[in-house]
Amino acid sequence: MLEDLKDLNQKIAVRFALIEIINAETTLLATAIIKNKKEIEKLEKELALLKADYARMIFKSYKSKSQQSRLMFVLSSQNFQQAYKRLQYMKQYTSFRKKQGEAIGVQTDIVRKMNDSLFFQKQLKDTLMLSEQDQKEKIELDKKDKEKLITTIKKKESKYRREIQNKIKAEKRLAKKIDKIIREEIAKANRLAREKLKNSSKSINKNEFVLSPEARALAAKFELNKGKLPWPIEEGLITRRFGKQPHPTFPGITINSTGLHMVTRRGKSAAAIFDGNILNILVTSEGKKNILIQHGNYITSYNNLDKLYVRKGDVVKTGEKIGQIFTDKVSGKTTLIFVLYKNTTKLNPSSWILKR
């Protein structure tokens, strides 16, 4: 029931976003249509002037032919030089008439194409407006379904509140386990580093990895790709953001999300967002798996997996599939919980992955 309400809220939000996009596109098209209309008016005036000028030229030519023939016009010259000039003039005049005719043809074609473009843009604008109206109607239907669901949920509000609180506690327990594993892995790595640094005065921070030159280079590459890292899922959307946020249904309940909740299709796999090695794998009492991948002093966590394709210690590449995401049998949701750390500090993954 709560998952259905969450879906409806997501659907309504997506529809509103789509309406905003449609409105923006409609505005751009309306501006383009006005610009096109002005251009067509300008071209039509130019075409009218060309046609009028051409008509005057044709009339003048016809009138000239009726008064005397071209041959007589040349033969009546006083000398050879004047006859030559008159002949050249007639050739130029004929050529000019031809060019005027061609110019009218070109201008007519331009106007026709502009009219075709304008007609297409008007059709597109009408289609967008119909699509907007359709989305608004669907939002109204979704809102009615939402009201019905809320009414049903309110009847069992105390039960659902308990379920939510239990889920929040379970998420906190899992987060603590993962935090503990990361601290243990740092301690293990630093013990080895301490042995190598016996004769060194360099101090070691217990909450940070001591990095080899190779690991430091990998971490630097990871940082350079901030905002450009791929998503851990091929397709899907984010249903819960990072950090503290009010529960979407029940006021008074605050969720502190350690990472991003990403919903995808059943049977889909999670993929490594960067080169690294499998630091550890955690299996919960329910059988769900969590994979930790180390990228220098950065760690990515892929939680809520079903089947695994990797083992601890494996080296993985960017985009390599590491495990199939678990699908809840009750809600039918396939959700990956993706968390990002720098040493023991949780970071907002949205700042690191590509915008969609």
Protein backbone atom coordinates (compact mmCIF):
# COMPACT_ATOMS: atom_id res chain seq x y z
CA MET A 1 0.00 0.00 0.00
CA LEU A 2 2.76 2.44 0.99
CA GLU A 3 4.78 1.41 -2.07
CA ASP A 4 1.73 2.11 -4.27
CA LEU A 5 1.41 5.58 -2.73
CA LYS A 6 5.13 6.18 -3.24
CA ASP A 7 4.74 5.16 -6.90
CA LEU A 8 1.80 7.51 -7.38
CA ASN A 9 3.74 10.43 -5.86
CA GLN A 10 6.66 9.64 -8.17
CA LYS A 11 4.35 9.37 -11.17
CA ILE A 12 2.67 12.71 -10.40
CA ALA A 13 6.09 14.38 -9.97
CA VAL A 14 7.28 12.97 -13.31
CA ARG A 15 4.08 14.15 -15.05
CA PHE A 16 4.52 17.68 -13.65
CA ALA A 17 8.14 17.68 -14.86
CA LEU A 18 6.94 16.53 -18.29
CA ILE A 19 4.36 19.35 -18.41
CA GLU A 20 7.13 21.87 -17.63
CA ILE A 21 9.20 20.49 -20.52
CA ILE A 22 6.18 20.60 -22.85
CA ASN A 23 5.47 24.22 -21.83
CA ALA A 24 9.09 25.19 -22.49
CA GLU A 25 9.01 23.49 -25.91
CA THR A 26 5.66 25.12 -26.76
CA THR A 27 7.04 28.56 -25.85
CA LEU A 28 10.10 28.00 -28.05
CA LEU A 29 7.88 26.84 -30.93
CA ALA A 30 5.55 29.83 -30.52
CA THR A 31 8.58 32.15 -30.73
CA ALA A 32 9.83 30.30 -33.83
CA ILE A 33 6.38 30.52 -35.45
CA ILE A 34 6.19 34.30 -34.90
CA LYS A 35 9.71 34.67 -36.33
CA ASN A 36 8.76 32.51 -39.32
CA LYS A 37 5.60 34.54 -39.97
CA LYS A 38 7.60 37.78 -40.04
CA GLU A 39 10.16 36.21 -42.38
CA ILE A 40 7.39 34.95 -44.69
CA GLU A 41 5.78 38.41 -44.78
CA LYS A 42 9.16 39.93 -45.67
CA LEU A 43 9.78 37.34 -48.41
CA GLU A 44 6.26 37.77 -49.83
CA LYS A 45 6.82 41.55 -50.12
CA GLU A 46 10.11 40.95 -51.88
CA LEU A 47 8.40 38.46 -54.20
CA ALA A 48 5.61 40.94 -54.99
CA LEU A 49 8.21 43.62 -55.87
CA LEU A 50 10.11 41.17 -58.05
CA LYS A 51 6.94 40.15 -59.88
CA ALA A 52 5.88 43.79 -60.43
CA ASP A 53 9.33 44.70 -61.71
CA TYR A 54 9.36 41.67 -64.01
CA ALA A 55 5.87 42.53 -65.33
CA ARG A 56 7.00 46.09 -66.14
CA MET A 57 10.04 44.72 -67.92
CA ILE A 58 7.99 42.27 -70.00
CA PHE A 59 5.50 45.01 -70.93
CA LYS A 60 8.30 47.37 -71.91
CA SER A 61 9.92 44.64 -74.00
CA TYR A 62 6.62 43.81 -75.72
CA LYS A 63 5.95 47.52 -76.40
CA SER A 64 9.42 47.92 -77.83
CA LYS A 65 8.91 44.95 -80.17
CA SER A 66 5.62 46.37 -81.46
CA GLN A 67 7.23 49.71 -82.38
CA GLN A 68 10.24 48.32 -84.20
CA SER A 69 11.98 45.06 -84.65
CA ARG A 70 15.29 44.30 -83.04
CA LEU A 71 16.94 44.09 -86.40
CA MET A 72 15.75 47.59 -87.38
CA PHE A 73 16.96 48.84 -84.01
CA VAL A 74 20.47 47.58 -84.85
CA LEU A 75 20.44 48.56 -88.56
CA SER A 76 19.32 52.10 -87.81
CA SER A 77 22.62 52.72 -86.02
CA GLN A 78 24.72 55.59 -87.34
CA ASN A 79 27.94 53.55 -87.34
CA PHE A 80 29.33 50.12 -86.55
CA GLN A 81 30.32 51.02 -82.99
CA GLN A 82 26.77 52.16 -82.14
CA ALA A 83 25.32 49.01 -83.77
CA TYR A 84 27.67 46.86 -81.64
CA LYS A 85 26.68 48.70 -78.45
CA ARG A 86 22.95 48.28 -79.28
CA LEU A 87 23.45 44.57 -79.89
CA GLN A 88 25.27 44.20 -76.56
CA TYR A 89 22.52 46.13 -74.80
CA MET A 90 19.85 43.77 -76.19
CA LYS A 91 21.88 40.75 -75.03
CA GLN A 92 22.29 42.22 -71.55
CA TYR A 93 18.62 43.11 -71.37
CA THR A 94 17.62 39.56 -72.37
CA SER A 95 20.04 38.12 -69.78
CA PHE A 96 18.66 40.44 -67.10
CA ARG A 97 15.09 39.37 -67.90
CA LYS A 98 16.16 35.72 -67.58
CA LYS A 99 17.87 36.39 -64.20
CA GLN A 100 14.78 38.23 -62.96
CA GLY A 101 12.65 35.22 -63.89
CA GLU A 102 15.06 32.87 -62.10
CA ALA A 103 15.11 35.13 -59.01
CA ILE A 104 11.31 35.01 -58.88
CA GLY A 105 11.48 31.21 -59.10
CA VAL A 106 14.02 31.01 -56.24
CA GLN A 107 12.07 33.44 -54.05
CA THR A 108 8.82 31.54 -54.71
CA ASP A 109 10.51 28.30 -53.65
CA ILE A 110 11.84 29.91 -50.45
CA VAL A 111 8.37 31.19 -49.53
CA ARG A 112 6.85 27.76 -50.23
CA LYS A 113 9.42 26.01 -48.02
CA MET A 114 8.91 28.56 -45.24
CA ASN A 115 5.15 27.98 -45.41
CA ASP A 116 5.70 24.21 -45.22
CA SER A 117 7.96 24.67 -42.20
CA LEU A 118 5.41 26.97 -40.54
CA PHE A 119 2.62 24.46 -41.12
CA PHE A 120 4.74 21.67 -39.57
CA GLN A 121 5.61 23.84 -36.55
CA LYS A 122 1.93 24.67 -36.00
CA GLN A 123 1.06 20.96 -36.13
CA LEU A 124 3.85 20.18 -33.65
CA LYS A 125 2.65 22.92 -31.31
CA ASP A 126 -0.91 21.57 -31.46
CA THR A 127 0.39 18.05 -30.69
CA LEU A 128 2.39 19.35 -27.70
CA MET A 129 -0.64 21.20 -26.36
CA LEU A 130 -2.76 18.03 -26.67
CA SER A 131 -0.01 16.06 -24.90
CA GLU A 132 0.03 18.64 -22.08
CA GLN A 133 -3.74 18.38 -21.69
CA ASP A 134 -3.47 14.58 -21.63
CA GLN A 135 -0.83 14.73 -18.87
CA LYS A 136 -2.99 17.13 -16.82
CA GLU A 137 -5.95 14.75 -17.08
CA LYS A 138 -3.77 11.83 -16.00
CA ILE A 139 -2.49 13.85 -13.02
CA GLU A 140 -6.07 14.43 -11.92
CA LEU A 141 -6.76 10.68 -12.14
CA ASP A 142 -3.54 9.93 -10.22
CA LYS A 143 -4.54 12.46 -7.53
CA LYS A 144 -7.92 10.74 -7.10
CA ASP A 145 -6.17 7.37 -6.74
CA LYS A 146 -3.77 8.97 -4.28
CA GLU A 147 -6.65 10.33 -2.16
CA LYS A 148 -8.22 6.87 -2.03
CA LEU A 149 -4.94 5.30 -0.98
CA ILE A 150 -4.32 7.93 1.71
CA THR A 151 -7.83 7.32 3.10
CA THR A 152 -7.12 3.57 3.27
CA ILE A 153 -3.66 4.10 4.79
CA LYS A 154 -4.98 6.48 7.45
CA LYS A 155 -7.25 3.73 8.74
CA LYS A 156 -4.15 1.67 9.51
CA GLU A 157 -1.78 4.56 10.12
CA SER A 158 -0.34 3.24 13.40
CA LYS A 159 0.47 -0.10 11.77
CA TYR A 160 2.21 1.53 8.82
CA ARG A 161 4.10 3.93 11.09
CA ARG A 162 5.46 0.95 13.04
CA GLU A 163 6.51 -0.75 9.80
CA ILE A 164 8.30 2.39 8.63
CA GLN A 165 10.10 2.82 11.96
CA ASN A 166 11.18 -0.84 11.83
CA LYS A 167 12.52 -0.36 8.29
CA ILE A 168 14.43 2.76 9.37
CA LYS A 169 15.96 0.83 12.30
CA ALA A 170 16.92 -2.05 10.00
CA GLU A 171 18.58 0.40 7.59
CA LYS A 172 20.51 1.98 10.49
CA ARG A 173 21.70 -1.44 11.67
CA LEU A 174 22.90 -2.32 8.18
CA ALA A 175 24.64 1.05 7.80
CA LYS A 176 26.46 0.48 11.11
CA LYS A 177 27.61 -2.97 9.98
CA ILE A 178 28.97 -1.54 6.72
CA ASP A 179 30.68 1.33 8.61
CA LYS A 180 32.28 -1.26 10.92
CA ILE A 181 33.52 -3.35 7.98
CA ILE A 182 35.09 -0.24 6.38
CA ARG A 183 36.84 0.69 9.65
CA GLU A 184 38.13 -2.87 9.97
CA GLU A 185 39.41 -2.87 6.38
CA ILE A 186 41.15 0.48 6.98
CA ALA A 187 42.72 -0.88 10.17
CA LYS A 188 43.89 -4.04 8.35
CA ALA A 189 45.37 -2.03 5.46
CA ASN A 190 47.05 0.38 7.86
CA ARG A 191 48.62 -2.43 9.93
CA LEU A 192 50.39 -3.60 6.79
CA ALA A 193 51.36 -0.01 5.99
CA ARG A 194 52.68 0.46 9.56
CA GLU A 195 54.99 -2.52 9.16
CA LYS A 196 56.41 -1.00 5.99
CA LEU A 197 56.79 2.38 7.72
CA LYS A 198 58.62 1.07 10.87
CA ASN A 199 61.55 3.35 10.35
CA SER A 200 59.39 6.29 9.31
CA SER A 201 58.17 9.11 11.55
CA LYS A 202 55.03 9.49 9.45
CA SER A 203 51.84 9.25 11.55
CA ILE A 204 48.84 7.18 10.42
CA ASN A 205 45.22 8.34 10.74
CA LYS A 206 43.11 5.37 11.87
CA ASN A 207 40.10 6.60 9.83
CA GLU A 208 41.98 6.93 6.54
CA PHE A 209 43.59 4.47 4.15
CA VAL A 210 47.35 4.72 3.79
CA LEU A 211 47.63 4.61 0.03
CA SER A 212 50.28 3.08 -2.18
CA PRO A 213 51.38 5.19 -5.18
CA GLU A 214 49.07 3.08 -7.42
CA ALA A 215 46.10 3.48 -5.06
CA ARG A 216 46.76 7.23 -4.80
CA ALA A 217 46.76 7.50 -8.60
CA LEU A 218 43.47 5.56 -8.79
CA ALA A 219 41.86 7.85 -6.18
CA ALA A 220 43.05 10.90 -8.15
CA LYS A 221 41.44 9.53 -11.32
CA PHE A 222 38.23 8.87 -9.39
CA GLU A 223 38.19 12.49 -8.19
CA LEU A 224 38.83 13.81 -11.71
CA ASN A 225 35.67 12.01 -12.86
CA LYS A 226 33.41 13.71 -10.29
CA GLY A 227 30.06 14.45 -11.94
CA LYS A 228 30.92 12.19 -14.89
CA LEU A 229 30.81 8.73 -13.26
CA PRO A 230 28.26 6.29 -14.75
CA TRP A 231 25.17 5.13 -12.88
CA PRO A 232 25.41 1.73 -11.16
CA ILE A 233 22.19 0.73 -12.99
CA GLU A 234 21.68 0.68 -16.75
CA GLU A 235 18.16 2.12 -16.58
CA GLY A 236 15.88 3.39 -13.83
CA LEU A 237 15.29 6.35 -11.58
CA ILE A 238 16.13 7.66 -8.12
CA THR A 239 13.30 7.22 -5.61
CA ARG A 240 15.15 8.44 -2.52
CA ARG A 241 17.86 11.09 -2.31
CA PHE A 242 20.86 11.32 -0.02
CA GLY A 243 20.63 12.85 3.47
CA LYS A 244 17.87 13.84 5.87
CA GLN A 245 14.38 14.19 4.41
CA PRO A 246 10.76 14.01 5.64
CA HIS A 247 8.85 10.82 4.94
CA PRO A 248 6.71 11.39 1.80
CA THR A 249 3.52 10.06 3.46
CA PHE A 250 3.69 10.47 7.24
CA PRO A 251 4.60 13.83 8.79
CA GLY A 252 6.85 13.67 11.82
CA ILE A 253 8.97 10.82 10.46
CA THR A 254 12.45 11.78 9.22
CA ILE A 255 14.52 9.55 6.98
CA ASN A 256 18.31 9.85 6.99
CA SER A 257 19.33 8.23 3.73
CA THR A 258 22.94 7.02 3.57
CA GLY A 259 22.85 7.00 -0.22
CA LEU A 260 20.60 6.82 -3.27
CA HIS A 261 17.71 4.40 -3.69
CA MET A 262 17.49 3.49 -7.38
CA VAL A 263 14.60 1.55 -8.88
CA THR A 264 15.06 -0.48 -12.04
CA ARG A 265 13.43 -3.40 -13.86
CA ARG A 266 13.27 -6.96 -12.52
CA GLY A 267 16.31 -9.05 -13.37
CA LYS A 268 18.65 -6.07 -13.85
CA SER A 269 22.21 -6.03 -12.49
CA ALA A 270 24.35 -3.51 -10.63
CA ALA A 271 27.61 -2.41 -12.27
CA ALA A 272 30.84 -0.96 -10.86
CA ILE A 273 30.97 2.78 -11.47
CA PHE A 274 34.80 2.83 -11.61
CA ASP A 275 37.88 0.58 -11.67
CA GLY A 276 38.65 -0.97 -8.30
CA ASN A 277 38.84 -4.13 -6.23
CA ILE A 278 36.19 -5.97 -4.20
CA LEU A 279 37.02 -4.87 -0.66
CA ASN A 280 34.38 -6.98 1.11
CA ILE A 281 30.97 -8.64 0.75
CA LEU A 282 28.32 -8.51 3.47
CA VAL A 283 25.38 -10.95 3.61
CA THR A 284 22.39 -9.96 5.78
CA SER A 285 20.26 -12.37 7.82
CA GLU A 286 17.60 -12.16 5.05
CA GLY A 287 20.17 -13.30 2.48
CA LYS A 288 20.59 -9.94 0.75
CA LYS A 289 24.14 -9.07 -0.29
CA ASN A 290 26.16 -5.88 -0.14
CA ILE A 291 29.35 -5.37 -2.17
CA LEU A 292 32.05 -2.85 -1.25
CA ILE A 293 34.43 -1.76 -4.01
CA GLN A 294 37.59 0.17 -3.17
CA HIS A 295 38.90 2.90 -5.50
CA GLY A 296 41.98 4.15 -3.64
CA ASN A 297 40.55 5.85 -0.56
CA TYR A 298 37.04 5.96 -2.10
CA ILE A 299 34.56 3.13 -1.56
CA THR A 300 31.32 2.45 -3.41
CA SER A 301 28.67 0.31 -1.73
CA TYR A 302 26.05 -1.66 -3.72
CA ASN A 303 23.36 -2.89 -1.34
CA ASN A 304 20.26 -5.08 -1.81
CA LEU A 305 21.75 -7.60 -4.23
CA ASP A 306 20.49 -11.12 -4.84
CA LYS A 307 22.98 -13.05 -6.99
CA LEU A 308 26.69 -12.19 -6.99
CA TYR A 309 29.06 -12.32 -9.98
CA VAL A 310 32.25 -11.43 -8.04
CA ARG A 311 34.22 -12.49 -4.96
CA LYS A 312 36.27 -10.65 -2.36
CA GLY A 313 39.63 -9.59 -3.78
CA ASP A 314 38.48 -9.54 -7.42
CA VAL A 315 39.59 -6.65 -9.62
CA VAL A 316 36.70 -5.01 -11.49
CA LYS A 317 36.49 -2.50 -14.34
CA THR A 318 34.13 0.44 -14.93
CA GLY A 319 30.74 -0.84 -16.07
CA GLU A 320 31.44 -4.47 -15.09
CA LYS A 321 28.34 -6.23 -13.70
CA ILE A 322 28.87 -7.34 -10.11
CA GLY A 323 25.49 -8.77 -9.06
CA GLN A 324 21.78 -9.05 -9.78
CA ILE A 325 19.57 -6.64 -7.82
CA PHE A 326 17.01 -8.13 -5.42
CA THR A 327 13.31 -7.83 -6.32
CA ASP A 328 10.85 -7.60 -3.42
CA LYS A 329 8.20 -10.31 -3.77
CA VAL A 330 5.48 -8.22 -2.08
CA SER A 331 5.98 -4.80 -3.73
CA GLY A 332 7.57 -6.13 -6.94
CA LYS A 333 10.22 -3.37 -6.66
CA THR A 334 13.81 -3.91 -7.80
CA THR A 335 15.80 -1.40 -5.73
CA LEU A 336 19.54 -0.81 -5.48
CA ILE A 337 20.85 1.19 -2.51
CA PHE A 338 24.01 2.94 -3.67
CA VAL A 339 26.34 4.56 -1.11
CA LEU A 340 29.62 6.43 -1.61
CA TYR A 341 32.40 6.88 0.96
CA LYS A 342 35.70 8.71 1.15
CA ASN A 343 37.46 6.65 3.81
CA THR A 344 34.76 6.55 6.54
CA THR A 345 32.85 9.68 5.43
CA LYS A 346 29.64 9.26 3.44
CA LEU A 347 29.34 11.50 0.38
CA ASN A 348 26.33 12.50 -1.75
CA PRO A 349 26.50 10.18 -4.79
CA SER A 350 24.33 12.59 -6.84
CA SER A 351 27.29 14.98 -7.03
CA TRP A 352 29.51 12.28 -8.50
CA ILE A 353 27.38 10.44 -11.06
CA LEU A 354 26.10 11.75 -14.39
CA LYS A 355 22.93 13.84 -14.43
CA ARG A 356 19.92 12.16 -16.08
